[in-house]
Amino acid sequence: MSLAERKDRYEHLMRAIRAADLDAWRDNFLRDLRSFVSQPRVSKVEEASLERL
């Protein structure tokens, strides 16, 4: 592998590492968590059964 190719690969790797740092991961995770819309845990069938009690 030529020196130029090694340098190119190294630069590509370093860009990927900088883009995937812990702070960016945390920010993306928290953004996704905040945008999560939870679904009700009780289904309509279970709800109907509970209403009969």
PDB file of N, CA and C in Angstrom:
ATOM      1  N   MET A   1       0.862  -1.170   0.000  1.00  0.00           N
ATOM      2  CA  MET A   1       0.000   0.000   0.000  1.00  0.00           C
ATOM      3  C   MET A   1       0.908   1.233   0.000  1.00  0.00           C
ATOM      4  N   SER A   2       0.588   2.170  -0.825  1.00  0.00           N
ATOM      5  CA  SER A   2       1.433   3.365  -0.935  1.00  0.00           C
ATOM      6  C   SER A   2       1.232   4.283   0.274  1.00  0.00           C
ATOM      7  N   LEU A   3       2.182   5.167   0.472  1.00  0.00           N
ATOM      8  CA  LEU A   3       2.090   6.134   1.561  1.00  0.00           C
ATOM      9  C   LEU A   3       0.854   7.020   1.389  1.00  0.00           C
ATOM     10  N   ALA A   4       0.574   7.435   0.188  1.00  0.00           N
ATOM     11  CA  ALA A   4      -0.599   8.280  -0.069  1.00  0.00           C
ATOM     12  C   ALA A   4      -1.889   7.551   0.302  1.00  0.00           C
ATOM     13  N   GLU A   5      -1.978   6.273  -0.026  1.00  0.00           N
ATOM     14  CA  GLU A   5      -3.177   5.500   0.310  1.00  0.00           C
ATOM     15  C   GLU A   5      -3.297   5.320   1.815  1.00  0.00           C
ATOM     16  N   ARG A   6      -2.180   5.068   2.487  1.00  0.00           N
ATOM     17  CA  ARG A   6      -2.206   4.929   3.950  1.00  0.00           C
ATOM     18  C   ARG A   6      -2.672   6.222   4.602  1.00  0.00           C
ATOM     19  N   LYS A   7      -2.170   7.353   4.113  1.00  0.00           N
ATOM     20  CA  LYS A   7      -2.577   8.652   4.664  1.00  0.00           C
ATOM     21  C   LYS A   7      -4.063   8.891   4.428  1.00  0.00           C
ATOM     22  N   ASP A   8      -4.535   8.553   3.255  1.00  0.00           N
ATOM     23  CA  ASP A   8      -5.951   8.721   2.930  1.00  0.00           C
ATOM     24  C   ASP A   8      -6.818   7.863   3.845  1.00  0.00           C
ATOM     25  N   ARG A   9      -6.414   6.630   4.038  1.00  0.00           N
ATOM     26  CA  ARG A   9      -7.175   5.733   4.925  1.00  0.00           C
ATOM     27  C   ARG A   9      -7.159   6.241   6.361  1.00  0.00           C
ATOM     28  N   TYR A  10      -5.998   6.726   6.798  1.00  0.00           N
ATOM     29  CA  TYR A  10      -5.871   7.256   8.152  1.00  0.00           C
ATOM     30  C   TYR A  10      -6.799   8.459   8.339  1.00  0.00           C
ATOM     31  N   GLU A  11      -6.799   9.373   7.394  1.00  0.00           N
ATOM     32  CA  GLU A  11      -7.658  10.555   7.487  1.00  0.00           C
ATOM     33  C   GLU A  11      -9.135  10.160   7.508  1.00  0.00           C
ATOM     34  N   HIS A  12      -9.503   9.204   6.698  1.00  0.00           N
ATOM     35  CA  HIS A  12     -10.885   8.720   6.675  1.00  0.00           C
ATOM     36  C   HIS A  12     -11.256   8.127   8.039  1.00  0.00           C
ATOM     37  N   LEU A  13     -10.370   7.328   8.600  1.00  0.00           N
ATOM     38  CA  LEU A  13     -10.597   6.727   9.914  1.00  0.00           C
ATOM     39  C   LEU A  13     -10.742   7.802  10.983  1.00  0.00           C
ATOM     40  N   MET A  14      -9.870   8.786  10.974  1.00  0.00           N
ATOM     41  CA  MET A  14      -9.914   9.837  11.988  1.00  0.00           C
ATOM     42  C   MET A  14     -11.192  10.672  11.878  1.00  0.00           C
ATOM     43  N   ARG A  15     -11.667  10.926  10.673  1.00  0.00           N
ATOM     44  CA  ARG A  15     -12.939  11.654  10.510  1.00  0.00           C
ATOM     45  C   ARG A  15     -14.087  10.852  11.121  1.00  0.00           C
ATOM     46  N   ALA A  16     -14.077   9.557  10.896  1.00  0.00           N
ATOM     47  CA  ALA A  16     -15.137   8.700  11.448  1.00  0.00           C
ATOM     48  C   ALA A  16     -15.076   8.677  12.970  1.00  0.00           C
ATOM     49  N   ILE A  17     -13.878   8.623  13.520  1.00  0.00           N
ATOM     50  CA  ILE A  17     -13.720   8.600  14.977  1.00  0.00           C
ATOM     51  C   ILE A  17     -14.185   9.920  15.581  1.00  0.00           C
ATOM     52  N   ARG A  18     -13.824  11.022  14.980  1.00  0.00           N
ATOM     53  CA  ARG A  18     -14.244  12.334  15.495  1.00  0.00           C
ATOM     54  C   ARG A  18     -15.762  12.492  15.432  1.00  0.00           C
ATOM     55  N   ALA A  19     -16.364  11.963  14.410  1.00  0.00           N
ATOM     56  CA  ALA A  19     -17.819  12.078  14.244  1.00  0.00           C
ATOM     57  C   ALA A  19     -18.575  11.188  15.221  1.00  0.00           C
ATOM     58  N   ALA A  20     -17.931  10.152  15.721  1.00  0.00           N
ATOM     59  CA  ALA A  20     -18.605   9.185  16.590  1.00  0.00           C
ATOM     60  C   ALA A  20     -18.080   9.273  18.018  1.00  0.00           C
ATOM     61  N   ASP A  21     -17.763  10.473  18.479  1.00  0.00           N
ATOM     62  CA  ASP A  21     -17.232  10.594  19.831  1.00  0.00           C
ATOM     63  C   ASP A  21     -18.351  10.414  20.857  1.00  0.00           C
ATOM     64  N   LEU A  22     -17.980  10.313  22.105  1.00  0.00           N
ATOM     65  CA  LEU A  22     -18.938  10.028  23.168  1.00  0.00           C
ATOM     66  C   LEU A  22     -19.975  11.140  23.313  1.00  0.00           C
ATOM     67  N   ASP A  23     -19.553  12.384  23.211  1.00  0.00           N
ATOM     68  CA  ASP A  23     -20.507  13.488  23.339  1.00  0.00           C
ATOM     69  C   ASP A  23     -21.569  13.441  22.244  1.00  0.00           C
ATOM     70  N   ALA A  24     -21.144  13.170  21.024  1.00  0.00           N
ATOM     71  CA  ALA A  24     -22.102  13.070  19.918  1.00  0.00           C
ATOM     72  C   ALA A  24     -23.038  11.887  20.134  1.00  0.00           C
ATOM     73  N   TRP A  25     -22.497  10.775  20.595  1.00  0.00           N
ATOM     74  CA  TRP A  25     -23.335   9.597  20.850  1.00  0.00           C
ATOM     75  C   TRP A  25     -24.376   9.932  21.906  1.00  0.00           C
ATOM     76  N   ARG A  26     -23.930  10.572  23.003  1.00  0.00           N
ATOM     77  CA  ARG A  26     -24.850  10.929  24.087  1.00  0.00           C
ATOM     78  C   ARG A  26     -25.942  11.863  23.582  1.00  0.00           C
ATOM     79  N   ASP A  27     -25.554  12.891  22.845  1.00  0.00           N
ATOM     80  CA  ASP A  27     -26.536  13.849  22.335  1.00  0.00           C
ATOM     81  C   ASP A  27     -27.548  13.175  21.418  1.00  0.00           C
ATOM     82  N   ASN A  28     -27.088  12.317  20.543  1.00  0.00           N
ATOM     83  CA  ASN A  28     -27.994  11.592  19.643  1.00  0.00           C
ATOM     84  C   ASN A  28     -28.909  10.657  20.417  1.00  0.00           C
ATOM     85  N   PHE A  29     -28.360   9.961  21.410  1.00  0.00           N
ATOM     86  CA  PHE A  29     -29.152   9.039  22.219  1.00  0.00           C
ATOM     87  C   PHE A  29     -30.247   9.793  22.969  1.00  0.00           C
ATOM     88  N   LEU A  30     -29.882  10.894  23.615  1.00  0.00           N
ATOM     89  CA  LEU A  30     -30.872  11.661  24.369  1.00  0.00           C
ATOM     90  C   LEU A  30     -31.928  12.274  23.456  1.00  0.00           C
ATOM     91  N   ARG A  31     -31.532  12.751  22.287  1.00  0.00           N
ATOM     92  CA  ARG A  31     -32.496  13.285  21.323  1.00  0.00           C
ATOM     93  C   ARG A  31     -33.499  12.204  20.923  1.00  0.00           C
ATOM     94  N   ASP A  32     -32.971  11.007  20.619  1.00  0.00           N
ATOM     95  CA  ASP A  32     -33.859   9.910  20.225  1.00  0.00           C
ATOM     96  C   ASP A  32     -34.761   9.489  21.376  1.00  0.00           C
ATOM     97  N   LEU A  33     -34.219   9.478  22.580  1.00  0.00           N
ATOM     98  CA  LEU A  33     -35.003   9.090  23.750  1.00  0.00           C
ATOM     99  C   LEU A  33     -36.135  10.086  23.995  1.00  0.00           C
ATOM    100  N   ARG A  34     -35.846  11.362  23.860  1.00  0.00           N
ATOM    101  CA  ARG A  34     -36.882  12.389  24.058  1.00  0.00           C
ATOM    102  C   ARG A  34     -37.971  12.323  22.995  1.00  0.00           C
ATOM    103  N   SER A  35     -37.614  11.892  21.813  1.00  0.00           N
ATOM    104  CA  SER A  35     -38.603  11.846  20.736  1.00  0.00           C
ATOM    105  C   SER A  35     -39.398  10.543  20.726  1.00  0.00           C
ATOM    106  N   PHE A  36     -39.041   9.619  21.594  1.00  0.00           N
ATOM    107  CA  PHE A  36     -39.722   8.331  21.649  1.00  0.00           C
ATOM    108  C   PHE A  36     -41.140   8.524  22.175  1.00  0.00           C
ATOM    109  N   VAL A  37     -42.085   7.975  21.482  1.00  0.00           N
ATOM    110  CA  VAL A  37     -43.479   8.029  21.917  1.00  0.00           C
ATOM    111  C   VAL A  37     -43.825   6.652  22.450  1.00  0.00           C
ATOM    112  N   SER A  38     -44.067   6.590  23.745  1.00  0.00           N
ATOM    113  CA  SER A  38     -44.348   5.277  24.327  1.00  0.00           C
ATOM    114  C   SER A  38     -45.765   4.833  23.988  1.00  0.00           C
ATOM    115  N   GLN A  39     -45.903   3.565  23.846  1.00  0.00           N
ATOM    116  CA  GLN A  39     -47.193   2.959  23.565  1.00  0.00           C
ATOM    117  C   GLN A  39     -47.790   2.481  24.887  1.00  0.00           C
ATOM    118  N   PRO A  40     -49.100   2.528  25.006  1.00  0.00           N
ATOM    119  CA  PRO A  40     -49.705   2.029  26.244  1.00  0.00           C
ATOM    120  C   PRO A  40     -49.372   0.554  26.443  1.00  0.00           C
ATOM    121  N   ARG A  41     -49.150   0.192  27.668  1.00  0.00           N
ATOM    122  CA  ARG A  41     -48.787  -1.190  27.967  1.00  0.00           C
ATOM    123  C   ARG A  41     -50.015  -2.091  28.078  1.00  0.00           C
ATOM    124  N   VAL A  42     -51.169  -1.518  28.268  1.00  0.00           N
ATOM    125  CA  VAL A  42     -52.389  -2.313  28.407  1.00  0.00           C
ATOM    126  C   VAL A  42     -53.089  -2.353  27.053  1.00  0.00           C
ATOM    127  N   SER A  43     -53.311  -3.547  26.566  1.00  0.00           N
ATOM    128  CA  SER A  43     -54.001  -3.680  25.284  1.00  0.00           C
ATOM    129  C   SER A  43     -55.497  -3.478  25.480  1.00  0.00           C
ATOM    130  N   LYS A  44     -56.218  -3.300  24.402  1.00  0.00           N
ATOM    131  CA  LYS A  44     -57.667  -3.107  24.484  1.00  0.00           C
ATOM    132  C   LYS A  44     -58.351  -4.337  25.074  1.00  0.00           C
ATOM    133  N   VAL A  45     -57.842  -5.521  24.771  1.00  0.00           N
ATOM    134  CA  VAL A  45     -58.425  -6.746  25.318  1.00  0.00           C
ATOM    135  C   VAL A  45     -58.236  -6.769  26.827  1.00  0.00           C
ATOM    136  N   GLU A  46     -57.020  -6.452  27.286  1.00  0.00           N
ATOM    137  CA  GLU A  46     -56.775  -6.437  28.725  1.00  0.00           C
ATOM    138  C   GLU A  46     -57.601  -5.349  29.398  1.00  0.00           C
ATOM    139  N   GLU A  47     -57.734  -4.205  28.752  1.00  0.00           N
ATOM    140  CA  GLU A  47     -58.513  -3.104  29.300  1.00  0.00           C
ATOM    141  C   GLU A  47     -59.974  -3.513  29.455  1.00  0.00           C
ATOM    142  N   ALA A  48     -60.537  -4.180  28.453  1.00  0.00           N
ATOM    143  CA  ALA A  48     -61.927  -4.637  28.527  1.00  0.00           C
ATOM    144  C   ALA A  48     -62.092  -5.651  29.652  1.00  0.00           C
ATOM    145  N   SER A  49     -61.126  -6.516  29.835  1.00  0.00           N
ATOM    146  CA  SER A  49     -61.191  -7.506  30.913  1.00  0.00           C
ATOM    147  C   SER A  49     -61.156  -6.824  32.268  1.00  0.00           C
ATOM    148  N   LEU A  50     -60.329  -5.800  32.393  1.00  0.00           N
ATOM    149  CA  LEU A  50     -60.236  -5.083  33.663  1.00  0.00           C
ATOM    150  C   LEU A  50     -61.522  -4.324  33.969  1.00  0.00           C
ATOM    151  N   GLU A  51     -62.197  -3.820  32.945  1.00  0.00           N
ATOM    152  CA  GLU A  51     -63.437  -3.074  33.163  1.00  0.00           C
ATOM    153  C   GLU A  51     -64.540  -3.975  33.700  1.00  0.00           C
ATOM    154  N   ARG A  52     -64.481  -5.260  33.371  1.00  0.00           N
ATOM    155  CA  ARG A  52     -65.506  -6.198  33.854  1.00  0.00           C
ATOM    156  C   ARG A  52     -65.365  -6.483  35.341  1.00  0.00           C
ATOM    157  N   LEU A  53     -64.203  -6.213  35.902  1.00  0.00           N
ATOM    158  CA  LEU A  53     -63.985  -6.521  37.326  1.00  0.00           C
ATOM    159  C   LEU A  53     -64.707  -5.590  38.204  1.00  0.00           C
TER     160      LEU A  53
END
